[in-house]
């Protein structure tokens, strides 16, 4: 019943917003930043909970992207939702992704894209914020 009301009122569930946020982020990165999208929702074969939302290429740099979808006025912005626990999972997922490549990239980075959806009933387009080169690995990590 609650899901029906949410749909009727135009509210998004977290799963709906996350999927739509990832789609919008991928399109925005491709269109506005000229990224090539290599993979979406890549999961580690050793632990399916380890997921990378987007794997992209920005010129010669491989970019791993975590997408956070938020409602306007959310208490915790998407950037800060990537806490040390999430970063630990992302590090393992990225290491697994790099290990399965035949030729590893010379350089890579980690970005966060935050998609902020307007309040229910508003006609404004979602706002997209791109945070580049977010610290994830120690400076001594080598590919």
N, C-alpha and C. Protein backbone atom coordinates (compact mmCIF):
# COMPACT_ATOMS: atom_id res chain seq x y z
N UNK A 1 0.82 -1.20 0.00
CA UNK A 1 0.00 0.00 0.00
C UNK A 1 0.87 1.26 0.00
N UNK A 2 1.91 1.25 0.83
CA UNK A 2 2.79 2.41 0.90
C UNK A 2 3.49 2.65 -0.43
N UNK A 3 3.93 1.57 -1.08
CA UNK A 3 4.60 1.72 -2.38
C UNK A 3 3.64 2.31 -3.41
N UNK A 4 2.37 1.88 -3.36
CA UNK A 4 1.36 2.41 -4.27
C UNK A 4 1.19 3.91 -4.07
N UNK A 5 1.14 4.34 -2.81
CA UNK A 5 1.00 5.77 -2.51
C UNK A 5 2.22 6.55 -2.99
N UNK A 6 3.41 5.97 -2.77
CA UNK A 6 4.63 6.64 -3.23
C UNK A 6 4.59 6.83 -4.74
N UNK A 7 4.17 5.78 -5.45
CA UNK A 7 4.09 5.86 -6.91
C UNK A 7 3.05 6.89 -7.33
N UNK A 8 1.91 6.86 -6.67
CA UNK A 8 0.82 7.78 -6.99
C UNK A 8 1.24 9.24 -6.77
N UNK A 9 1.97 9.48 -5.69
CA UNK A 9 2.40 10.83 -5.36
C UNK A 9 3.68 11.25 -6.07
N UNK A 10 4.30 10.32 -6.79
CA UNK A 10 5.51 10.64 -7.53
C UNK A 10 6.78 10.51 -6.71
N UNK A 11 6.69 9.93 -5.53
CA UNK A 11 7.89 9.74 -4.71
C UNK A 11 8.67 8.56 -5.24
N UNK A 12 9.96 8.61 -5.10
CA UNK A 12 10.81 7.51 -5.56
C UNK A 12 11.25 6.67 -4.37
N UNK A 13 11.33 5.36 -4.59
CA UNK A 13 11.93 4.52 -3.56
C UNK A 13 13.44 4.65 -3.72
N UNK A 14 14.19 4.20 -2.71
CA UNK A 14 15.65 4.31 -2.76
C UNK A 14 16.21 3.56 -3.97
N UNK A 15 15.65 2.38 -4.26
CA UNK A 15 16.13 1.58 -5.40
C UNK A 15 15.85 2.30 -6.71
N UNK A 16 14.64 2.86 -6.85
CA UNK A 16 14.30 3.61 -8.06
C UNK A 16 15.22 4.81 -8.24
N UNK A 17 15.40 5.56 -7.17
CA UNK A 17 16.24 6.76 -7.23
C UNK A 17 17.68 6.39 -7.54
N UNK A 18 18.19 5.32 -6.95
CA UNK A 18 19.56 4.89 -7.19
C UNK A 18 19.79 4.51 -8.64
N UNK A 19 18.88 3.72 -9.19
CA UNK A 19 19.00 3.31 -10.60
C UNK A 19 18.89 4.49 -11.54
N UNK A 20 17.94 5.36 -11.26
CA UNK A 20 17.78 6.55 -12.11
C UNK A 20 18.98 7.48 -11.95
N UNK A 21 19.49 7.60 -10.74
CA UNK A 21 20.67 8.43 -10.50
C UNK A 21 21.87 7.92 -11.27
N UNK A 22 22.08 6.60 -11.27
CA UNK A 22 23.20 6.02 -12.01
C UNK A 22 23.07 6.28 -13.50
N UNK A 23 21.85 6.14 -14.01
CA UNK A 23 21.61 6.39 -15.44
C UNK A 23 21.90 7.85 -15.79
N UNK A 24 21.40 8.77 -14.98
CA UNK A 24 21.64 10.20 -15.22
C UNK A 24 23.12 10.54 -15.11
N UNK A 25 23.79 9.96 -14.12
CA UNK A 25 25.22 10.22 -13.94
C UNK A 25 26.02 9.72 -15.14
N UNK A 26 25.71 8.51 -15.61
CA UNK A 26 26.42 7.95 -16.77
C UNK A 26 26.23 8.83 -18.00
N UNK A 27 24.99 9.24 -18.24
CA UNK A 27 24.71 10.10 -19.40
C UNK A 27 25.43 11.44 -19.27
N UNK A 28 25.42 12.01 -18.06
CA UNK A 28 26.05 13.31 -17.83
C UNK A 28 27.57 13.22 -18.02
N UNK A 29 28.19 12.18 -17.47
CA UNK A 29 29.64 12.01 -17.61
C UNK A 29 30.03 11.84 -19.08
N UNK A 30 29.23 11.09 -19.82
CA UNK A 30 29.51 10.88 -21.24
C UNK A 30 29.34 12.18 -22.03
N UNK A 31 28.26 12.88 -21.77
CA UNK A 31 27.93 14.10 -22.53
C UNK A 31 28.78 15.31 -22.11
N UNK A 32 28.86 15.57 -20.82
CA UNK A 32 29.50 16.80 -20.33
C UNK A 32 31.01 16.66 -20.11
N UNK A 33 31.48 15.48 -19.78
CA UNK A 33 32.90 15.28 -19.47
C UNK A 33 33.61 14.41 -20.49
N UNK A 34 32.87 13.92 -21.49
CA UNK A 34 33.42 13.07 -22.57
C UNK A 34 34.05 11.78 -22.03
N UNK A 35 33.48 11.22 -20.97
CA UNK A 35 33.94 9.93 -20.45
C UNK A 35 33.41 8.82 -21.35
N UNK A 36 34.19 7.77 -21.49
CA UNK A 36 33.71 6.54 -22.13
C UNK A 36 33.27 5.61 -21.01
N UNK A 37 32.04 5.13 -21.07
CA UNK A 37 31.52 4.23 -20.04
C UNK A 37 31.94 2.81 -20.41
N UNK A 38 32.72 2.17 -19.54
CA UNK A 38 33.21 0.82 -19.79
C UNK A 38 32.29 -0.22 -19.18
N UNK A 39 31.84 0.02 -17.96
CA UNK A 39 30.97 -0.95 -17.27
C UNK A 39 30.05 -0.22 -16.30
N UNK A 40 28.88 -0.82 -16.09
CA UNK A 40 27.93 -0.31 -15.09
C UNK A 40 27.62 -1.43 -14.12
N UNK A 41 27.57 -1.09 -12.86
CA UNK A 41 27.22 -2.04 -11.80
C UNK A 41 28.09 -3.30 -11.85
N UNK A 42 29.39 -3.12 -11.97
CA UNK A 42 30.31 -4.26 -12.00
C UNK A 42 30.42 -4.84 -10.60
N UNK A 43 30.28 -6.16 -10.51
CA UNK A 43 30.37 -6.85 -9.22
C UNK A 43 31.56 -7.79 -9.21
N UNK A 44 32.21 -7.84 -8.07
CA UNK A 44 33.37 -8.71 -7.90
C UNK A 44 32.92 -10.16 -7.92
N UNK A 45 33.63 -11.03 -8.64
CA UNK A 45 33.25 -12.45 -8.66
C UNK A 45 33.47 -13.13 -7.31
N UNK A 46 34.37 -12.61 -6.48
CA UNK A 46 34.63 -13.27 -5.20
C UNK A 46 33.64 -12.85 -4.11
N UNK A 47 33.05 -11.66 -4.23
CA UNK A 47 32.07 -11.20 -3.26
C UNK A 47 31.10 -10.27 -3.97
N UNK A 48 29.89 -10.73 -4.21
CA UNK A 48 28.92 -9.99 -5.00
C UNK A 48 28.48 -8.67 -4.35
N UNK A 49 28.81 -8.49 -3.07
CA UNK A 49 28.46 -7.23 -2.40
C UNK A 49 29.42 -6.11 -2.79
N UNK A 50 30.55 -6.47 -3.34
CA UNK A 50 31.53 -5.48 -3.79
C UNK A 50 31.15 -5.03 -5.20
N UNK A 51 30.64 -3.81 -5.30
CA UNK A 51 30.13 -3.32 -6.57
C UNK A 51 30.73 -1.95 -6.89
N UNK A 52 31.00 -1.74 -8.17
CA UNK A 52 31.43 -0.44 -8.67
C UNK A 52 30.30 0.06 -9.56
N UNK A 53 29.75 1.23 -9.24
CA UNK A 53 28.62 1.75 -10.00
C UNK A 53 28.98 1.99 -11.46
N UNK A 54 30.06 2.72 -11.71
CA UNK A 54 30.48 3.02 -13.08
C UNK A 54 31.99 2.88 -13.20
N UNK A 55 32.41 2.22 -14.26
CA UNK A 55 33.82 2.18 -14.63
C UNK A 55 33.92 2.95 -15.94
N UNK A 56 34.75 3.98 -15.95
CA UNK A 56 34.84 4.88 -17.11
C UNK A 56 36.29 5.10 -17.51
N UNK A 57 36.44 5.73 -18.66
CA UNK A 57 37.76 6.15 -19.11
C UNK A 57 37.67 7.63 -19.45
N UNK A 58 38.59 8.39 -18.85
CA UNK A 58 38.71 9.82 -19.11
C UNK A 58 40.08 10.02 -19.75
N UNK A 59 40.10 10.08 -21.07
CA UNK A 59 41.35 10.11 -21.84
C UNK A 59 42.14 8.84 -21.51
N UNK A 60 43.30 8.95 -20.89
CA UNK A 60 44.13 7.78 -20.57
C UNK A 60 43.95 7.30 -19.13
N UNK A 61 43.05 7.91 -18.39
CA UNK A 61 42.85 7.57 -16.98
C UNK A 61 41.59 6.73 -16.81
N UNK A 62 41.71 5.62 -16.10
CA UNK A 62 40.54 4.82 -15.75
C UNK A 62 39.92 5.45 -14.51
N UNK A 63 38.60 5.64 -14.56
CA UNK A 63 37.89 6.31 -13.47
C UNK A 63 36.83 5.37 -12.91
N UNK A 64 36.89 5.16 -11.60
CA UNK A 64 35.89 4.37 -10.89
C UNK A 64 34.96 5.36 -10.20
N UNK A 65 33.65 5.21 -10.43
CA UNK A 65 32.70 6.21 -9.96
C UNK A 65 31.67 5.58 -9.03
N UNK A 66 31.47 6.20 -7.89
CA UNK A 66 30.39 5.86 -6.98
C UNK A 66 29.32 6.93 -7.15
N UNK A 67 28.09 6.51 -7.42
CA UNK A 67 26.98 7.44 -7.63
C UNK A 67 26.10 7.42 -6.39
N UNK A 68 25.78 8.60 -5.89
CA UNK A 68 24.90 8.74 -4.74
C UNK A 68 23.72 9.61 -5.14
N UNK A 69 22.52 9.05 -5.08
CA UNK A 69 21.30 9.79 -5.39
C UNK A 69 20.68 10.26 -4.08
N UNK A 70 20.27 11.51 -4.06
CA UNK A 70 19.72 12.11 -2.86
C UNK A 70 18.51 12.97 -3.22
N UNK A 71 17.60 13.09 -2.27
CA UNK A 71 16.49 14.03 -2.40
C UNK A 71 16.99 15.41 -2.00
N UNK A 72 16.40 16.43 -2.56
CA UNK A 72 16.77 17.80 -2.18
C UNK A 72 16.56 17.97 -0.68
N UNK A 73 17.52 18.57 -0.03
CA UNK A 73 17.41 18.79 1.41
C UNK A 73 17.77 17.59 2.26
N UNK A 74 18.41 16.59 1.67
CA UNK A 74 18.81 15.40 2.44
C UNK A 74 19.76 15.81 3.57
N UNK A 75 19.66 15.11 4.69
CA UNK A 75 20.49 15.44 5.85
C UNK A 75 21.97 15.20 5.58
N UNK A 76 22.29 14.11 4.87
CA UNK A 76 23.68 13.77 4.58
C UNK A 76 23.89 13.85 3.07
N UNK A 77 24.73 14.78 2.62
CA UNK A 77 25.02 14.85 1.18
C UNK A 77 25.68 13.56 0.69
N UNK A 78 25.54 13.28 -0.59
CA UNK A 78 26.07 12.05 -1.17
C UNK A 78 27.56 11.87 -0.97
N UNK A 79 28.31 12.95 -1.08
CA UNK A 79 29.77 12.87 -0.92
C UNK A 79 30.12 12.31 0.45
N UNK A 80 29.45 12.78 1.49
CA UNK A 80 29.75 12.34 2.85
C UNK A 80 29.16 10.98 3.18
N UNK A 81 28.27 10.47 2.33
CA UNK A 81 27.73 9.13 2.53
C UNK A 81 28.75 8.06 2.17
N UNK A 82 29.80 8.43 1.48
CA UNK A 82 30.88 7.49 1.16
C UNK A 82 31.86 7.53 2.33
N UNK A 83 31.51 6.79 3.37
CA UNK A 83 32.31 6.79 4.60
C UNK A 83 33.43 5.75 4.51
N UNK A 84 34.16 5.57 5.59
CA UNK A 84 35.32 4.67 5.58
C UNK A 84 34.91 3.23 5.31
N UNK A 85 33.72 2.82 5.75
CA UNK A 85 33.26 1.44 5.48
C UNK A 85 33.03 1.24 3.98
N UNK A 86 32.32 2.19 3.38
CA UNK A 86 32.05 2.11 1.95
C UNK A 86 33.36 2.19 1.16
N UNK A 87 34.29 3.03 1.59
CA UNK A 87 35.57 3.14 0.90
C UNK A 87 36.35 1.83 0.98
N UNK A 88 36.26 1.13 2.09
CA UNK A 88 36.94 -0.16 2.23
C UNK A 88 36.37 -1.17 1.22
N UNK A 89 35.04 -1.22 1.10
CA UNK A 89 34.39 -2.11 0.13
C UNK A 89 34.78 -1.72 -1.29
N UNK A 90 34.78 -0.42 -1.57
CA UNK A 90 35.15 0.05 -2.91
C UNK A 90 36.60 -0.27 -3.25
N UNK A 91 37.50 -0.14 -2.27
CA UNK A 91 38.91 -0.48 -2.50
C UNK A 91 39.04 -1.95 -2.92
N UNK A 92 38.35 -2.83 -2.19
CA UNK A 92 38.41 -4.26 -2.53
C UNK A 92 37.83 -4.52 -3.92
N UNK A 93 36.72 -3.87 -4.24
CA UNK A 93 36.09 -4.05 -5.55
C UNK A 93 37.01 -3.56 -6.67
N UNK A 94 37.63 -2.41 -6.47
CA UNK A 94 38.54 -1.87 -7.49
C UNK A 94 39.76 -2.76 -7.65
N UNK A 95 40.30 -3.26 -6.55
CA UNK A 95 41.44 -4.18 -6.64
C UNK A 95 41.05 -5.44 -7.41
N UNK A 96 39.83 -5.96 -7.18
CA UNK A 96 39.36 -7.14 -7.91
C UNK A 96 39.19 -6.83 -9.39
N UNK A 97 38.66 -5.64 -9.70
CA UNK A 97 38.49 -5.26 -11.09
C UNK A 97 39.84 -5.16 -11.80
N UNK A 98 40.79 -4.50 -11.15
CA UNK A 98 42.12 -4.34 -11.75
C UNK A 98 42.82 -5.69 -11.92
N UNK A 99 42.61 -6.61 -10.98
CA UNK A 99 43.26 -7.92 -11.04
C UNK A 99 42.78 -8.74 -12.24
N UNK A 100 41.54 -8.54 -12.68
CA UNK A 100 41.01 -9.34 -13.78
C UNK A 100 41.33 -8.76 -15.16
N UNK A 101 41.96 -7.59 -15.20
CA UNK A 101 42.34 -6.99 -16.48
C UNK A 101 43.61 -7.62 -17.02
N UNK A 102 43.67 -7.81 -18.32
CA UNK A 102 44.90 -8.32 -18.94
C UNK A 102 45.98 -7.25 -18.94
N UNK A 103 45.58 -6.04 -19.27
CA UNK A 103 46.53 -4.93 -19.25
C UNK A 103 45.99 -3.87 -18.29
N UNK A 104 46.72 -3.67 -17.22
CA UNK A 104 46.28 -2.73 -16.21
C UNK A 104 46.56 -1.30 -16.65
N UNK A 105 45.70 -0.37 -16.26
CA UNK A 105 45.92 1.02 -16.65
C UNK A 105 47.13 1.62 -15.93
N UNK A 106 47.74 2.60 -16.57
CA UNK A 106 48.89 3.28 -15.95
C UNK A 106 48.43 4.14 -14.78
N UNK A 107 47.24 4.71 -14.91
CA UNK A 107 46.73 5.52 -13.82
C UNK A 107 45.21 5.37 -13.73
N UNK A 108 44.72 5.56 -12.52
CA UNK A 108 43.29 5.52 -12.28
C UNK A 108 42.97 6.43 -11.12
N UNK A 109 41.68 6.74 -10.99
CA UNK A 109 41.24 7.57 -9.88
C UNK A 109 39.83 7.17 -9.48
N UNK A 110 39.41 7.73 -8.35
CA UNK A 110 38.08 7.46 -7.83
C UNK A 110 37.31 8.77 -7.75
N UNK A 111 36.10 8.78 -8.32
CA UNK A 111 35.23 9.96 -8.30
C UNK A 111 33.91 9.62 -7.62
N UNK A 112 33.25 10.63 -7.11
CA UNK A 112 31.89 10.50 -6.58
C UNK A 112 31.01 11.45 -7.37
N UNK A 113 29.87 10.94 -7.83
CA UNK A 113 28.88 11.79 -8.50
C UNK A 113 27.63 11.76 -7.64
N UNK A 114 27.17 12.94 -7.27
CA UNK A 114 25.96 13.08 -6.47
C UNK A 114 24.85 13.60 -7.37
N UNK A 115 23.72 12.90 -7.39
CA UNK A 115 22.55 13.32 -8.15
C UNK A 115 21.49 13.74 -7.13
N UNK A 116 21.12 15.01 -7.16
CA UNK A 116 20.14 15.55 -6.21
C UNK A 116 18.82 15.75 -6.94
N UNK A 117 17.82 14.96 -6.54
CA UNK A 117 16.49 15.06 -7.15
C UNK A 117 15.71 16.18 -6.47
N UNK A 118 14.96 16.96 -7.25
CA UNK A 118 14.15 18.03 -6.64
C UNK A 118 13.03 17.45 -5.79
N UNK A 119 12.43 18.28 -4.97
CA UNK A 119 11.32 17.84 -4.11
C UNK A 119 10.18 17.32 -4.98
N UNK A 120 9.40 16.40 -4.42
CA UNK A 120 8.27 15.82 -5.15
C UNK A 120 7.36 16.94 -5.66
N UNK A 121 6.99 16.84 -6.91
CA UNK A 121 6.11 17.83 -7.52
C UNK A 121 6.85 18.97 -8.20
N UNK A 122 8.13 19.13 -7.91
CA UNK A 122 8.91 20.20 -8.54
C UNK A 122 9.25 19.80 -9.97
N UNK A 123 9.37 20.77 -10.83
CA UNK A 123 9.64 20.48 -12.25
C UNK A 123 11.11 20.69 -12.62
N UNK A 124 11.93 21.09 -11.67
CA UNK A 124 13.35 21.33 -11.96
C UNK A 124 14.05 20.01 -12.29
N UNK A 125 15.09 20.12 -13.08
CA UNK A 125 15.90 18.94 -13.42
C UNK A 125 16.78 18.58 -12.22
N UNK A 126 17.15 17.31 -12.11
CA UNK A 126 18.06 16.93 -11.02
C UNK A 126 19.40 17.67 -11.15
N UNK A 127 19.99 17.97 -10.02
CA UNK A 127 21.28 18.64 -9.98
C UNK A 127 22.37 17.58 -9.87
N UNK A 128 23.42 17.71 -10.67
CA UNK A 128 24.51 16.73 -10.66
C UNK A 128 25.78 17.41 -10.19
N UNK A 129 26.42 16.80 -9.18
CA UNK A 129 27.68 17.32 -8.64
C UNK A 129 28.74 16.25 -8.81
N UNK A 130 29.87 16.65 -9.36
CA UNK A 130 30.95 15.71 -9.66
C UNK A 130 32.17 16.05 -8.80
N UNK A 131 32.60 15.09 -7.98
CA UNK A 131 33.77 15.25 -7.13
C UNK A 131 34.87 14.35 -7.68
N UNK A 132 35.92 14.96 -8.22
CA UNK A 132 36.99 14.21 -8.86
C UNK A 132 38.12 13.88 -7.90
N UNK A 133 38.73 12.73 -8.15
CA UNK A 133 39.95 12.32 -7.45
C UNK A 133 39.77 12.30 -5.93
N UNK A 134 38.73 11.63 -5.49
CA UNK A 134 38.45 11.50 -4.06
C UNK A 134 39.45 10.51 -3.47
N UNK A 135 40.09 10.83 -2.35
CA UNK A 135 41.09 9.91 -1.76
C UNK A 135 40.46 8.57 -1.40
N UNK A 136 41.09 7.50 -1.88
CA UNK A 136 40.59 6.16 -1.60
C UNK A 136 41.75 5.23 -1.26
N UNK A 137 42.84 5.35 -1.99
CA UNK A 137 44.02 4.50 -1.78
C UNK A 137 45.13 5.33 -1.13
N UNK A 138 46.04 4.64 -0.47
CA UNK A 138 47.19 5.35 0.07
C UNK A 138 48.08 5.77 -1.10
N UNK A 139 48.93 6.73 -0.87
CA UNK A 139 49.80 7.22 -1.94
C UNK A 139 50.82 6.18 -2.38
N UNK A 140 50.97 5.11 -1.61
CA UNK A 140 51.95 4.07 -1.93
C UNK A 140 51.35 2.92 -2.72
N UNK A 141 50.04 2.96 -2.98
CA UNK A 141 49.39 1.87 -3.72
C UNK A 141 49.88 1.88 -5.16
N UNK A 142 50.22 0.71 -5.67
CA UNK A 142 50.66 0.57 -7.06
C UNK A 142 49.76 -0.43 -7.77
N UNK A 143 49.48 -0.14 -9.05
CA UNK A 143 48.66 -1.06 -9.84
C UNK A 143 49.46 -2.23 -10.32
